[in-house]
Amino acid sequence: MGSLDDVYSADCNDNFIEEVRNLGCEVEFVLHSKGEHGFEAFNEGEETNRIIDDTIKFINK
């Protein structure tokens, strides 16, 4: 999520996260400190790159 997202509130994924955790899935919530909606496209920088790298590592577990 992007902390400055003005399209969706930060709690928009709460129900989804709760449901998948109840199913036993591993979930990691990541909040980009200066991210907007679609921060990976609009907020180039070290934090964005780290989140993308961490996401890829999480998917490949």
Protein backbone atom coordinates (compact mmCIF):
# COMPACT_ATOMS: atom_id res chain seq x y z
CA MET A 1 0.00 0.00 0.00
CA GLY A 2 0.99 3.59 -0.47
CA SER A 3 0.61 5.74 2.63
CA LEU A 4 -0.45 8.71 0.48
CA ASP A 5 -2.93 6.72 -1.62
CA ASP A 6 -5.97 8.89 -2.23
CA VAL A 7 -7.86 6.18 -4.17
CA TYR A 8 -8.11 3.50 -1.46
CA SER A 9 -7.88 3.85 2.31
CA ALA A 10 -5.15 1.94 4.17
CA ASP A 11 -7.72 -0.47 5.61
CA CYS A 12 -9.15 -1.55 2.24
CA ASN A 13 -7.34 -4.91 2.38
CA ASP A 14 -8.10 -5.72 6.03
CA ASN A 15 -10.87 -8.23 5.25
CA PHE A 16 -8.76 -9.96 2.59
CA ILE A 17 -5.74 -10.15 4.89
CA GLU A 18 -7.83 -11.59 7.72
CA GLU A 19 -9.41 -14.21 5.44
CA VAL A 20 -6.15 -15.47 3.97
CA ARG A 21 -4.49 -15.56 7.38
CA ASN A 22 -7.43 -17.65 8.62
CA LEU A 23 -6.71 -20.03 5.73
CA GLY A 24 -3.13 -20.38 6.99
CA CYS A 25 -1.50 -18.28 4.28
CA GLU A 26 1.53 -16.16 5.02
CA VAL A 27 0.80 -12.46 4.62
CA GLU A 28 3.14 -9.51 4.82
CA PHE A 29 1.60 -6.03 4.78
CA VAL A 30 3.97 -3.43 3.35
CA LEU A 31 3.32 0.31 3.47
CA HIS A 32 5.39 2.63 1.28
CA SER A 33 6.04 5.72 3.42
CA LYS A 34 5.56 8.22 0.58
CA GLY A 35 3.72 6.00 -1.86
CA GLU A 36 0.74 7.05 -3.87
CA HIS A 37 -1.72 4.73 -5.60
CA GLY A 38 0.46 2.66 -7.89
CA PHE A 39 3.61 3.80 -6.11
CA GLU A 40 5.68 1.28 -8.05
CA ALA A 41 4.93 3.29 -11.20
CA PHE A 42 4.98 6.80 -9.76
CA ASN A 43 7.45 6.87 -6.86
CA GLU A 44 10.79 5.76 -8.24
CA GLY A 45 13.47 5.34 -5.64
CA GLU A 46 15.24 3.11 -3.18
CA GLU A 47 12.18 2.33 -1.03
CA THR A 48 10.10 1.40 -4.08
CA ASN A 49 12.86 -0.82 -5.42
CA ARG A 50 13.24 -2.55 -2.04
CA ILE A 51 9.50 -3.24 -1.82
CA ILE A 52 9.44 -4.65 -5.36
CA ASP A 53 12.49 -6.84 -4.61
CA ASP A 54 10.94 -8.04 -1.32
CA THR A 55 7.68 -8.81 -3.13
CA ILE A 56 9.46 -10.92 -5.72
CA LYS A 57 11.35 -12.78 -2.99
CA PHE A 58 8.06 -13.36 -1.10
CA ILE A 59 6.37 -14.76 -4.22
CA ASN A 60 9.30 -17.06 -4.93
CA LYS A 61 9.33 -18.62 -1.44
